[in-house]
Amino acid sequence: MFSTVQYALKRCEQPRTADVRAIAKAFKKPLSHLSMNTVYDTCESLLKTGLWAETICAYQLIYDQKKRYDEATFDVFERWLFAYIKDWWDCDDFMTHAFQTCLMLNPNHINRVKTWVNHERFAVRRAAAVILIVPVKKNLIDIDDVFYVCNQLMLDTHDLVQKGYGWLLKESTRFHEKAVIAYLERNVHQMPRTAFRYALERLDASQKARLMQLP
């Protein structure tokens, strides 16, 4: 199956993201008739190439099989995270689609997510925040888990990690605005300005202005 998918990708000259996703979606039904182990192997073969189109395709292929995720899926996804996620774009694609879906099916694994904040690679540390973005937008996780991850990433020196947990705080204001504002007020003196500004984006103009002027 890997060679068939890769051939389809190579036939598309200078593909855009939408083109790659369309190619992947064409394999949704054929893959649904194969075992999940075969699906995992196909996706991992694509990830091993390190190529942009193959990577986007792999994460779309596995997301389209989300109704077949089980307890073992989290282990597979975490291994892929540690082995293949290298930048913000592959992190965000995988975390906001396939992996967050898997986490919500296995919410007890939130404690494993919390260990990612100490990883040597910035993209994995960013993943600890980004995987929680869709769940918090849907009010499916405890705000204390969000704050725990943000606390651990608070002083991270990588700007893409700062932007990642700032984005998480921003989306948390949908259901937890007062708690997030209080959190920002408590941490204004230590939070990097990049993360702080991201966290303010969904607030109204007056709140945003007030928080930006805090000493």
N, C-alpha and C. Protein backbone atom coordinates (compact mmCIF):
# COMPACT_ATOMS: atom_id res chain seq x y z
N MET A 1 0.83 -1.21 0.00
CA MET A 1 0.00 0.00 0.00
C MET A 1 0.86 1.27 0.00
N PHE A 2 2.00 1.21 0.69
CA PHE A 2 2.89 2.37 0.74
C PHE A 2 3.30 2.82 -0.66
N SER A 3 3.73 1.88 -1.48
CA SER A 3 4.19 2.24 -2.82
C SER A 3 3.06 2.81 -3.67
N THR A 4 1.84 2.33 -3.47
CA THR A 4 0.69 2.84 -4.21
C THR A 4 0.39 4.28 -3.82
N VAL A 5 0.44 4.56 -2.53
CA VAL A 5 0.19 5.92 -2.05
C VAL A 5 1.30 6.85 -2.54
N GLN A 6 2.53 6.41 -2.42
CA GLN A 6 3.65 7.26 -2.84
C GLN A 6 3.60 7.53 -4.35
N TYR A 7 3.20 6.55 -5.14
CA TYR A 7 3.06 6.75 -6.58
C TYR A 7 2.01 7.82 -6.87
N ALA A 8 0.91 7.77 -6.15
CA ALA A 8 -0.15 8.77 -6.34
C ALA A 8 0.36 10.17 -6.00
N LEU A 9 1.18 10.27 -4.99
CA LEU A 9 1.75 11.58 -4.62
C LEU A 9 2.71 12.08 -5.68
N LYS A 10 3.52 11.21 -6.20
CA LYS A 10 4.52 11.62 -7.19
C LYS A 10 3.87 12.05 -8.50
N ARG A 11 2.68 11.55 -8.79
CA ARG A 11 1.98 11.95 -10.01
C ARG A 11 1.46 13.38 -9.94
N CYS A 12 1.37 13.91 -8.74
CA CYS A 12 0.85 15.27 -8.54
C CYS A 12 2.04 16.24 -8.48
N GLU A 13 2.24 17.02 -9.52
CA GLU A 13 3.37 17.95 -9.58
C GLU A 13 3.10 19.17 -8.70
N GLN A 14 4.08 19.53 -7.90
CA GLN A 14 4.01 20.68 -7.00
C GLN A 14 2.67 20.72 -6.24
N PRO A 15 2.39 19.68 -5.47
CA PRO A 15 1.10 19.60 -4.79
C PRO A 15 0.96 20.63 -3.67
N ARG A 16 -0.24 21.13 -3.49
CA ARG A 16 -0.56 21.97 -2.34
C ARG A 16 -1.09 21.06 -1.23
N THR A 17 -1.24 21.63 -0.04
CA THR A 17 -1.74 20.83 1.08
C THR A 17 -3.09 20.20 0.75
N ALA A 18 -3.97 20.99 0.13
CA ALA A 18 -5.29 20.47 -0.23
C ALA A 18 -5.19 19.30 -1.20
N ASP A 19 -4.22 19.35 -2.11
CA ASP A 19 -4.03 18.26 -3.06
C ASP A 19 -3.60 16.98 -2.35
N VAL A 20 -2.66 17.14 -1.41
CA VAL A 20 -2.16 15.97 -0.67
C VAL A 20 -3.27 15.35 0.15
N ARG A 21 -4.07 16.19 0.79
CA ARG A 21 -5.17 15.66 1.61
C ARG A 21 -6.20 14.94 0.73
N ALA A 22 -6.45 15.46 -0.45
CA ALA A 22 -7.39 14.82 -1.36
C ALA A 22 -6.88 13.44 -1.79
N ILE A 23 -5.58 13.34 -2.05
CA ILE A 23 -5.00 12.05 -2.42
C ILE A 23 -5.15 11.06 -1.26
N ALA A 24 -4.86 11.54 -0.05
CA ALA A 24 -4.97 10.67 1.13
C ALA A 24 -6.41 10.20 1.33
N LYS A 25 -7.36 11.10 1.16
CA LYS A 25 -8.76 10.76 1.38
C LYS A 25 -9.25 9.69 0.40
N ALA A 26 -8.63 9.64 -0.77
CA ALA A 26 -9.01 8.62 -1.75
C ALA A 26 -8.66 7.21 -1.28
N PHE A 27 -7.75 7.12 -0.30
CA PHE A 27 -7.35 5.82 0.24
C PHE A 27 -8.09 5.46 1.52
N LYS A 28 -9.02 6.30 1.95
CA LYS A 28 -9.72 6.05 3.20
C LYS A 28 -10.45 4.70 3.19
N LYS A 29 -11.24 4.45 2.15
CA LYS A 29 -12.00 3.20 2.08
C LYS A 29 -11.11 1.98 1.89
N PRO A 30 -10.15 2.01 0.95
CA PRO A 30 -9.27 0.84 0.82
C PRO A 30 -8.55 0.48 2.11
N LEU A 31 -8.06 1.50 2.83
CA LEU A 31 -7.35 1.23 4.08
C LEU A 31 -8.28 0.70 5.17
N SER A 32 -9.55 1.08 5.10
CA SER A 32 -10.50 0.63 6.12
C SER A 32 -10.72 -0.87 6.09
N HIS A 33 -10.36 -1.50 4.96
CA HIS A 33 -10.52 -2.96 4.85
C HIS A 33 -9.26 -3.71 5.29
N LEU A 34 -8.21 -2.97 5.63
CA LEU A 34 -6.97 -3.58 6.07
C LEU A 34 -6.85 -3.49 7.59
N SER A 35 -5.99 -4.28 8.17
CA SER A 35 -5.79 -4.22 9.62
C SER A 35 -5.16 -2.89 10.01
N MET A 36 -5.37 -2.49 11.27
CA MET A 36 -4.75 -1.25 11.73
C MET A 36 -3.23 -1.37 11.74
N ASN A 37 -2.70 -2.53 11.96
CA ASN A 37 -1.25 -2.69 11.91
C ASN A 37 -0.71 -2.37 10.51
N THR A 38 -1.47 -2.76 9.49
CA THR A 38 -1.08 -2.45 8.12
C THR A 38 -1.18 -0.94 7.86
N VAL A 39 -2.22 -0.33 8.40
CA VAL A 39 -2.37 1.12 8.27
C VAL A 39 -1.21 1.84 8.95
N TYR A 40 -0.88 1.41 10.18
CA TYR A 40 0.26 2.01 10.89
C TYR A 40 1.55 1.86 10.08
N ASP A 41 1.76 0.68 9.52
CA ASP A 41 2.99 0.44 8.76
C ASP A 41 3.05 1.32 7.52
N THR A 42 1.90 1.47 6.85
CA THR A 42 1.85 2.32 5.66
C THR A 42 2.19 3.76 6.01
N CYS A 43 1.58 4.26 7.07
CA CYS A 43 1.82 5.65 7.48
C CYS A 43 3.27 5.84 7.93
N GLU A 44 3.79 4.88 8.66
CA GLU A 44 5.17 5.04 9.14
C GLU A 44 6.17 5.00 7.98
N SER A 45 5.89 4.21 6.98
CA SER A 45 6.76 4.19 5.81
C SER A 45 6.79 5.55 5.13
N LEU A 46 5.63 6.22 5.10
CA LEU A 46 5.57 7.57 4.54
C LEU A 46 6.35 8.55 5.42
N LEU A 47 6.20 8.44 6.73
CA LEU A 47 6.90 9.34 7.65
C LEU A 47 8.41 9.17 7.57
N LYS A 48 8.85 7.97 7.35
CA LYS A 48 10.29 7.70 7.29
C LYS A 48 10.98 8.41 6.14
N THR A 49 10.22 8.78 5.11
CA THR A 49 10.84 9.48 3.99
C THR A 49 11.29 10.88 4.38
N GLY A 50 10.64 11.46 5.39
CA GLY A 50 10.97 12.81 5.81
C GLY A 50 10.51 13.90 4.86
N LEU A 51 9.75 13.52 3.85
CA LEU A 51 9.29 14.48 2.84
C LEU A 51 7.99 15.14 3.27
N TRP A 52 7.81 16.40 2.87
CA TRP A 52 6.64 17.18 3.29
C TRP A 52 5.34 16.51 2.85
N ALA A 53 5.19 16.20 1.57
CA ALA A 53 3.92 15.66 1.07
C ALA A 53 3.61 14.32 1.71
N GLU A 54 4.63 13.46 1.83
CA GLU A 54 4.42 12.15 2.44
C GLU A 54 4.00 12.27 3.91
N THR A 55 4.56 13.27 4.59
CA THR A 55 4.22 13.48 6.00
C THR A 55 2.78 13.93 6.16
N ILE A 56 2.38 14.93 5.38
CA ILE A 56 1.00 15.41 5.43
C ILE A 56 0.03 14.28 5.08
N CYS A 57 0.39 13.50 4.08
CA CYS A 57 -0.44 12.38 3.65
C CYS A 57 -0.59 11.35 4.77
N ALA A 58 0.51 11.03 5.42
CA ALA A 58 0.48 10.02 6.49
C ALA A 58 -0.47 10.43 7.60
N TYR A 59 -0.40 11.70 8.01
CA TYR A 59 -1.25 12.15 9.11
C TYR A 59 -2.72 12.26 8.70
N GLN A 60 -2.98 12.51 7.43
CA GLN A 60 -4.36 12.50 6.96
C GLN A 60 -4.89 11.07 6.87
N LEU A 61 -4.05 10.16 6.38
CA LEU A 61 -4.46 8.75 6.29
C LEU A 61 -4.86 8.20 7.65
N ILE A 62 -4.03 8.48 8.67
CA ILE A 62 -4.32 7.90 9.99
C ILE A 62 -5.50 8.61 10.64
N TYR A 63 -5.66 9.88 10.37
CA TYR A 63 -6.82 10.60 10.93
C TYR A 63 -8.13 10.06 10.36
N ASP A 64 -8.11 9.69 9.08
CA ASP A 64 -9.31 9.16 8.44
C ASP A 64 -9.71 7.78 8.97
N GLN A 65 -8.82 7.15 9.72
CA GLN A 65 -9.14 5.86 10.34
C GLN A 65 -9.46 6.01 11.83
N LYS A 66 -9.84 7.22 12.26
CA LYS A 66 -10.02 7.52 13.70
C LYS A 66 -11.08 6.66 14.38
N LYS A 67 -12.04 6.16 13.64
CA LYS A 67 -13.07 5.32 14.25
C LYS A 67 -12.52 3.96 14.68
N ARG A 68 -11.31 3.67 14.25
CA ARG A 68 -10.71 2.37 14.59
C ARG A 68 -9.59 2.50 15.62
N TYR A 69 -9.39 3.69 16.18
CA TYR A 69 -8.36 3.84 17.22
C TYR A 69 -8.72 2.97 18.43
N ASP A 70 -7.69 2.46 19.09
CA ASP A 70 -7.91 1.70 20.32
C ASP A 70 -6.82 2.07 21.33
N GLU A 71 -6.73 1.32 22.41
CA GLU A 71 -5.76 1.63 23.47
C GLU A 71 -4.33 1.64 22.94
N ALA A 72 -4.03 0.76 22.01
CA ALA A 72 -2.66 0.67 21.48
C ALA A 72 -2.29 1.85 20.60
N THR A 73 -3.28 2.56 20.10
CA THR A 73 -3.01 3.67 19.18
C THR A 73 -2.17 4.75 19.85
N PHE A 74 -2.44 5.03 21.10
CA PHE A 74 -1.67 6.08 21.79
C PHE A 74 -0.18 5.74 21.80
N ASP A 75 0.15 4.49 22.04
CA ASP A 75 1.56 4.07 22.05
C ASP A 75 2.20 4.29 20.69
N VAL A 76 1.48 3.96 19.63
CA VAL A 76 1.99 4.15 18.27
C VAL A 76 2.21 5.63 18.00
N PHE A 77 1.21 6.44 18.34
CA PHE A 77 1.31 7.87 18.06
C PHE A 77 2.43 8.53 18.85
N GLU A 78 2.59 8.12 20.11
CA GLU A 78 3.66 8.71 20.91
C GLU A 78 5.03 8.35 20.33
N ARG A 79 5.16 7.14 19.86
CA ARG A 79 6.43 6.73 19.23
C ARG A 79 6.69 7.56 17.98
N TRP A 80 5.66 7.81 17.17
CA TRP A 80 5.82 8.66 15.99
C TRP A 80 6.22 10.08 16.39
N LEU A 81 5.59 10.59 17.44
CA LEU A 81 5.93 11.94 17.91
C LEU A 81 7.42 12.04 18.21
N PHE A 82 7.93 11.10 18.97
CA PHE A 82 9.34 11.15 19.37
C PHE A 82 10.28 10.89 18.19
N ALA A 83 9.83 10.11 17.22
CA ALA A 83 10.72 9.73 16.11
C ALA A 83 10.69 10.69 14.94
N TYR A 84 9.53 11.31 14.66
CA TYR A 84 9.38 12.01 13.38
C TYR A 84 9.00 13.49 13.47
N ILE A 85 8.41 13.94 14.56
CA ILE A 85 7.99 15.34 14.64
C ILE A 85 9.20 16.22 14.86
N LYS A 86 9.45 17.13 13.91
CA LYS A 86 10.66 17.95 13.96
C LYS A 86 10.38 19.45 13.95
N ASP A 87 9.18 19.87 13.52
CA ASP A 87 8.93 21.31 13.33
C ASP A 87 7.51 21.64 13.75
N TRP A 88 7.13 22.93 13.61
CA TRP A 88 5.80 23.36 14.07
C TRP A 88 4.70 22.83 13.17
N TRP A 89 4.93 22.73 11.86
CA TRP A 89 3.85 22.39 10.94
C TRP A 89 3.42 20.92 11.07
N ASP A 90 4.40 20.01 11.21
CA ASP A 90 4.01 18.60 11.39
C ASP A 90 3.47 18.36 12.80
N CYS A 91 4.04 19.08 13.78
CA CYS A 91 3.50 19.02 15.14
C CYS A 91 2.03 19.42 15.16
N ASP A 92 1.72 20.57 14.58
CA ASP A 92 0.36 21.10 14.65
C ASP A 92 -0.63 20.25 13.89
N ASP A 93 -0.22 19.72 12.75
CA ASP A 93 -1.11 18.86 11.96
C ASP A 93 -1.46 17.60 12.75
N PHE A 94 -0.45 16.91 13.25
CA PHE A 94 -0.66 15.66 13.96
C PHE A 94 -1.40 15.88 15.28
N MET A 95 -1.02 16.93 16.02
CA MET A 95 -1.59 17.14 17.36
C MET A 95 -3.05 17.59 17.31
N THR A 96 -3.42 18.44 16.35
CA THR A 96 -4.77 18.99 16.33
C THR A 96 -5.77 18.11 15.59
N HIS A 97 -5.29 17.02 15.03
CA HIS A 97 -6.20 16.10 14.33
C HIS A 97 -6.13 14.70 14.97
N ALA A 98 -5.24 13.88 14.46
CA ALA A 98 -5.23 12.48 14.88
C ALA A 98 -4.92 12.30 16.37
N PHE A 99 -3.86 12.95 16.85
CA PHE A 99 -3.41 12.63 18.21
C PHE A 99 -4.37 13.17 19.27
N GLN A 100 -4.94 14.36 19.06
CA GLN A 100 -5.89 14.85 20.06
C GLN A 100 -7.15 13.98 20.11
N THR A 101 -7.55 13.44 18.95
CA THR A 101 -8.70 12.52 18.91
C THR A 101 -8.39 11.27 19.73
N CYS A 102 -7.20 10.75 19.55
CA CYS A 102 -6.78 9.57 20.32
C CYS A 102 -6.74 9.88 21.82
N LEU A 103 -6.22 11.04 22.18
CA LEU A 103 -6.17 11.41 23.59
C LEU A 103 -7.55 11.49 24.21
N MET A 104 -8.50 12.05 23.49
CA MET A 104 -9.85 12.18 24.03
C MET A 104 -10.55 10.83 24.18
N LEU A 105 -10.10 9.84 23.41
CA LEU A 105 -10.61 8.48 23.60
C LEU A 105 -9.95 7.79 24.78
N ASN A 106 -8.76 8.30 25.15
CA ASN A 106 -8.00 7.74 26.27
C ASN A 106 -7.54 8.88 27.18
N PRO A 107 -8.47 9.62 27.79
CA PRO A 107 -8.10 10.82 28.56
C PRO A 107 -7.20 10.54 29.75
N ASN A 108 -7.13 9.29 30.18
CA ASN A 108 -6.23 8.94 31.29
C ASN A 108 -4.76 9.12 30.92
N HIS A 109 -4.49 9.24 29.61
CA HIS A 109 -3.12 9.41 29.16
C HIS A 109 -2.64 10.86 29.22
N ILE A 110 -3.44 11.76 29.79
CA ILE A 110 -3.02 13.15 29.92
C ILE A 110 -1.72 13.25 30.72
N ASN A 111 -1.51 12.34 31.65
CA ASN A 111 -0.27 12.38 32.44
C ASN A 111 0.95 12.04 31.60
N ARG A 112 0.77 11.25 30.57
CA ARG A 112 1.90 10.99 29.66
C ARG A 112 2.20 12.22 28.82
N VAL A 113 1.16 12.92 28.42
CA VAL A 113 1.35 14.17 27.67
C VAL A 113 2.17 15.16 28.49
N LYS A 114 1.90 15.23 29.77
CA LYS A 114 2.60 16.19 30.64
C LYS A 114 4.10 15.94 30.71
N THR A 115 4.54 14.72 30.44
CA THR A 115 5.98 14.44 30.47
C THR A 115 6.70 14.98 29.24
N TRP A 116 5.96 15.30 28.18
CA TRP A 116 6.59 15.80 26.97
C TRP A 116 7.25 17.16 27.17
N VAL A 117 6.84 17.89 28.20
CA VAL A 117 7.35 19.25 28.41
C VAL A 117 8.85 19.25 28.68
N ASN A 118 9.42 18.11 29.02
CA ASN A 118 10.85 18.04 29.33
C ASN A 118 11.69 17.48 28.19
N HIS A 119 11.08 17.26 27.05
CA HIS A 119 11.80 16.65 25.93
C HIS A 119 12.86 17.60 25.38
N GLU A 120 13.95 17.04 24.88
CA GLU A 120 15.04 17.86 24.36
C GLU A 120 14.67 18.59 23.07
N ARG A 121 13.70 18.07 22.32
CA ARG A 121 13.35 18.68 21.03
C ARG A 121 12.17 19.63 21.21
N PHE A 122 12.31 20.83 20.68
CA PHE A 122 11.28 21.85 20.91
C PHE A 122 9.92 21.44 20.37
N ALA A 123 9.89 20.71 19.26
CA ALA A 123 8.61 20.35 18.64
C ALA A 123 7.80 19.42 19.54
N VAL A 124 8.48 18.59 20.31
CA VAL A 124 7.77 17.70 21.25
C VAL A 124 7.24 18.51 22.43
N ARG A 125 8.03 19.46 22.91
CA ARG A 125 7.55 20.33 23.99
C ARG A 125 6.35 21.15 23.52
N ARG A 126 6.40 21.66 22.31
CA ARG A 126 5.26 22.39 21.74
C ARG A 126 4.04 21.48 21.67
N ALA A 127 4.27 20.21 21.32
CA ALA A 127 3.17 19.25 21.19
C ALA A 127 2.38 19.09 22.48
N ALA A 128 3.07 19.21 23.63
CA ALA A 128 2.38 19.07 24.92
C ALA A 128 1.30 20.12 25.09
N ALA A 129 1.48 21.29 24.51
CA ALA A 129 0.46 22.35 24.55
C ALA A 129 -0.55 22.20 23.42
N VAL A 130 -0.04 21.96 22.21
CA VAL A 130 -0.91 21.99 21.03
C VAL A 130 -1.92 20.84 21.03
N ILE A 131 -1.57 19.69 21.59
CA ILE A 131 -2.52 18.57 21.62
C ILE A 131 -3.75 18.90 22.46
N LEU A 132 -3.65 19.87 23.36
CA LEU A 132 -4.77 20.23 24.23
C LEU A 132 -5.66 21.32 23.65
N ILE A 133 -5.29 21.88 22.52
CA ILE A 133 -6.01 23.04 21.97
C ILE A 133 -7.43 22.68 21.54
N VAL A 134 -7.61 21.64 20.75
CA VAL A 134 -8.96 21.27 20.33
C VAL A 134 -9.80 20.81 21.52
N PRO A 135 -9.27 19.97 22.42
CA PRO A 135 -10.07 19.59 23.59
C PRO A 135 -10.51 20.78 24.44
N VAL A 136 -9.63 21.77 24.65
CA VAL A 136 -10.04 22.90 25.49
C VAL A 136 -11.04 23.79 24.75
N LYS A 137 -10.95 23.85 23.43
CA LYS A 137 -11.93 24.61 22.65
C LYS A 137 -13.32 24.00 22.77
N LYS A 138 -13.37 22.68 23.01
CA LYS A 138 -14.64 21.97 23.16
C LYS A 138 -15.01 21.76 24.62
N ASN A 139 -14.20 22.32 25.51
CA ASN A 139 -14.43 22.20 26.96
C ASN A 139 -14.44 20.74 27.41
N LEU A 140 -13.48 19.98 26.91
CA LEU A 140 -13.41 18.55 27.20
C LEU A 140 -12.31 18.19 28.19
N ILE A 141 -11.50 19.17 28.61
CA ILE A 141 -10.44 18.87 29.57
C ILE A 141 -10.47 19.88 30.71
N ASP A 142 -9.86 19.50 31.80
CA ASP A 142 -9.81 20.34 32.99
C ASP A 142 -8.83 21.49 32.77
N ILE A 143 -9.22 22.70 33.10
CA ILE A 143 -8.35 23.85 32.93
C ILE A 143 -7.08 23.72 33.77
N ASP A 144 -7.14 22.97 34.86
CA ASP A 144 -5.93 22.77 35.67
C ASP A 144 -4.86 22.00 34.90
N ASP A 145 -5.27 21.11 34.01
CA ASP A 145 -4.30 20.41 33.17
C ASP A 145 -3.63 21.38 32.20
N VAL A 146 -4.41 22.29 31.67
CA VAL A 146 -3.87 23.33 30.79
C VAL A 146 -2.84 24.16 31.54
N PHE A 147 -3.19 24.62 32.72
CA PHE A 147 -2.28 25.47 33.49
C PHE A 147 -1.02 24.71 33.90
N TYR A 148 -1.15 23.42 34.17
CA TYR A 148 0.04 22.63 34.51
C TYR A 148 1.03 22.65 33.35
N VAL A 149 0.55 22.37 32.15
CA VAL A 149 1.43 22.35 30.98
C VAL A 149 2.04 23.73 30.75
N CYS A 150 1.23 24.77 30.86
CA CYS A 150 1.74 26.12 30.66
C CYS A 150 2.79 26.48 31.71
N ASN A 151 2.56 26.06 32.95
CA ASN A 151 3.55 26.31 34.00
C ASN A 151 4.89 25.68 33.67
N GLN A 152 4.84 24.45 33.17
CA GLN A 152 6.07 23.73 32.85
C GLN A 152 6.81 24.34 31.66
N LEU A 153 6.05 24.93 30.75
CA LEU A 153 6.65 25.54 29.55
C LEU A 153 6.92 27.03 29.71
N MET A 154 6.54 27.59 30.85
CA MET A 154 6.55 29.03 31.07
C MET A 154 7.86 29.70 30.64
N LEU A 155 8.98 29.15 31.05
CA LEU A 155 10.27 29.79 30.81
C LEU A 155 11.04 29.17 29.65
N ASP A 156 10.35 28.39 28.84
CA ASP A 156 11.00 27.79 27.67
C ASP A 156 11.53 28.91 26.77
N THR A 157 12.75 28.77 26.30
CA THR A 157 13.37 29.85 25.53
C THR A 157 13.05 29.79 24.03
N HIS A 158 12.43 28.71 23.58
CA HIS A 158 12.14 28.60 22.14
C HIS A 158 10.84 29.34 21.82
N ASP A 159 10.89 30.24 20.84
CA ASP A 159 9.73 31.07 20.54
C ASP A 159 8.53 30.25 20.06
N LEU A 160 8.77 29.12 19.40
CA LEU A 160 7.66 28.31 18.91
C LEU A 160 6.98 27.52 20.04
N VAL A 161 7.70 27.27 21.09
CA VAL A 161 7.08 26.68 22.28
C VAL A 161 6.26 27.76 22.99
N GLN A 162 6.81 28.96 23.10
CA GLN A 162 6.09 30.08 23.71
C GLN A 162 4.79 30.37 22.94
N LYS A 163 4.87 30.37 21.63
CA LYS A 163 3.67 30.60 20.82
C LYS A 163 2.68 29.45 20.98
N GLY A 164 3.19 28.24 21.16
CA GLY A 164 2.31 27.08 21.33
C GLY A 164 1.48 27.16 22.59
N TYR A 165 2.11 27.47 23.73
CA TYR A 165 1.31 27.52 24.96
C TYR A 165 0.53 28.82 25.07
N GLY A 166 1.01 29.87 24.38
CA GLY A 166 0.20 31.09 24.29
C GLY A 166 -1.08 30.84 23.52
N TRP A 167 -0.99 30.08 22.45
CA TRP A 167 -2.16 29.68 21.65
C TRP A 167 -3.12 28.86 22.50
N LEU A 168 -2.58 27.96 23.31
CA LEU A 168 -3.42 27.14 24.19
C LEU A 168 -4.18 28.02 25.18
N LEU A 169 -3.51 28.99 25.77
CA LEU A 169 -4.18 29.89 26.70
C LEU A 169 -5.25 30.72 25.99
N LYS A 170 -4.95 31.17 24.79
CA LYS A 170 -5.93 31.93 24.01
C LYS A 170 -7.21 31.13 23.80
N GLU A 171 -7.08 29.88 23.39
CA GLU A 171 -8.26 29.06 23.15
C GLU A 171 -8.97 28.70 24.46
N SER A 172 -8.24 28.70 25.55
CA SER A 172 -8.84 28.40 26.85
C SER A 172 -9.80 29.49 27.31
N THR A 173 -9.66 30.69 26.76
CA THR A 173 -10.55 31.78 27.16
C THR A 173 -11.98 31.57 26.68
N ARG A 174 -12.20 30.64 25.78
CA ARG A 174 -13.57 30.39 25.29
C ARG A 174 -14.49 29.98 26.43
N PHE A 175 -14.02 29.10 27.31
CA PHE A 175 -14.83 28.61 28.43
C PHE A 175 -14.28 29.00 29.80
N HIS A 176 -13.06 29.50 29.83
CA HIS A 176 -12.41 29.77 31.12
C HIS A 176 -11.77 31.16 31.12
N GLU A 177 -12.48 32.15 30.62
CA GLU A 177 -11.87 33.48 30.46
C GLU A 177 -11.38 34.06 31.79
N LYS A 178 -12.20 34.00 32.83
CA LYS A 178 -11.80 34.59 34.12
C LYS A 178 -10.58 33.89 34.69
N ALA A 179 -10.55 32.57 34.58
CA ALA A 179 -9.41 31.82 35.11
C ALA A 179 -8.13 32.14 34.34
N VAL A 180 -8.24 32.27 33.02
CA VAL A 180 -7.06 32.60 32.20
C VAL A 180 -6.58 34.01 32.51
N ILE A 181 -7.49 34.95 32.64
CA ILE A 181 -7.10 36.32 32.97
C ILE A 181 -6.37 36.35 34.31
N ALA A 182 -6.89 35.65 35.29
CA ALA A 182 -6.23 35.58 36.60
C ALA A 182 -4.85 34.95 36.48
N TYR A 183 -4.75 33.93 35.64
CA TYR A 183 -3.46 33.26 35.41
C TYR A 183 -2.46 34.23 34.79
N LEU A 184 -2.90 35.00 33.82
CA LEU A 184 -2.02 35.97 33.17
C LEU A 184 -1.59 37.06 34.15
N GLU A 185 -2.51 37.50 34.98
CA GLU A 185 -2.17 38.53 35.98
C GLU A 185 -1.11 38.02 36.96
N ARG A 186 -1.22 36.73 37.33
CA ARG A 186 -0.25 36.17 38.28
C ARG A 186 1.13 36.00 37.65
N ASN A 187 1.15 35.77 36.35
CA ASN A 187 2.41 35.38 35.70
C ASN A 187 2.98 36.43 34.75
N VAL A 188 2.41 37.62 34.76
CA VAL A 188 2.83 38.66 33.82
C VAL A 188 4.32 38.97 33.92
N HIS A 189 4.90 38.87 35.11
CA HIS A 189 6.30 39.25 35.28
C HIS A 189 7.29 38.19 34.80
N GLN A 190 6.83 36.95 34.64
CA GLN A 190 7.75 35.91 34.21
C GLN A 190 7.43 35.33 32.84
N MET A 191 6.20 35.49 32.38
CA MET A 191 5.84 34.94 31.08
C MET A 191 6.49 35.73 29.94
N PRO A 192 7.15 35.06 29.00
CA PRO A 192 7.70 35.77 27.85
C PRO A 192 6.62 36.56 27.13
N ARG A 193 6.96 37.72 26.62
CA ARG A 193 5.97 38.58 26.00
C ARG A 193 5.31 37.92 24.79
N THR A 194 6.05 37.08 24.10
CA THR A 194 5.48 36.37 22.94
C THR A 194 4.28 35.54 23.36
N ALA A 195 4.44 34.72 24.40
CA ALA A 195 3.35 33.88 24.88
C ALA A 195 2.21 34.74 25.43
N PHE A 196 2.56 35.79 26.15
CA PHE A 196 1.56 36.67 26.77
C PHE A 196 0.67 37.30 25.70
N ARG A 197 1.26 37.81 24.65
CA ARG A 197 0.48 38.47 23.59
C ARG A 197 -0.43 37.47 22.88
N TYR A 198 0.07 36.27 22.62
CA TYR A 198 -0.77 35.24 22.00
C TYR A 198 -1.99 34.93 22.86
N ALA A 199 -1.78 34.86 24.17
CA ALA A 199 -2.86 34.50 25.08
C ALA A 199 -3.97 35.54 25.11
N LEU A 200 -3.68 36.77 24.74
CA LEU A 200 -4.65 37.86 24.82
C LEU A 200 -5.56 37.97 23.60
N GLU A 201 -5.27 37.25 22.54
CA GLU A 201 -5.87 37.53 21.24
C GLU A 201 -7.39 37.43 21.20
N ARG A 202 -8.00 36.58 22.01
CA ARG A 202 -9.46 36.42 21.97
C ARG A 202 -10.18 37.34 22.96
N LEU A 203 -9.46 38.06 23.77
CA LEU A 203 -10.09 38.94 24.75
C LEU A 203 -10.58 40.22 24.09
N ASP A 204 -11.55 40.88 24.72
CA ASP A 204 -12.03 42.14 24.15
C ASP A 204 -10.95 43.21 24.29
N ALA A 205 -11.13 44.29 23.56
CA ALA A 205 -10.09 45.31 23.45
C ALA A 205 -9.73 45.93 24.80
N SER A 206 -10.71 46.14 25.64
CA SER A 206 -10.44 46.78 26.93
C SER A 206 -9.62 45.88 27.85
N GLN A 207 -9.98 44.59 27.89
CA GLN A 207 -9.22 43.64 28.70
C GLN A 207 -7.80 43.49 28.17
N LYS A 208 -7.70 43.42 26.86
CA LYS A 208 -6.39 43.28 26.23
C LYS A 208 -5.49 44.47 26.58
N ALA A 209 -6.05 45.67 26.44
CA ALA A 209 -5.29 46.88 26.73
C ALA A 209 -4.87 46.93 28.21
N ARG A 210 -5.77 46.55 29.10
CA ARG A 210 -5.47 46.58 30.53
C ARG A 210 -4.32 45.62 30.87
N LEU A 211 -4.41 44.40 30.33
CA LEU A 211 -3.39 43.42 30.63
C LEU A 211 -2.04 43.80 30.02
N MET A 212 -2.05 44.38 28.85
CA MET A 212 -0.80 44.79 28.22
C MET A 212 -0.12 45.90 29.02
N GLN A 213 -0.89 46.65 29.79
CA GLN A 213 -0.32 47.76 30.55
C GLN A 213 0.06 47.38 31.99
N LEU A 214 -0.11 46.10 32.34
CA LEU A 214 0.26 45.69 33.69
C LEU A 214 1.76 45.92 33.90
N PRO A 215 2.14 46.41 35.07
CA PRO A 215 3.56 46.70 35.33
C PRO A 215 4.36 45.40 35.43
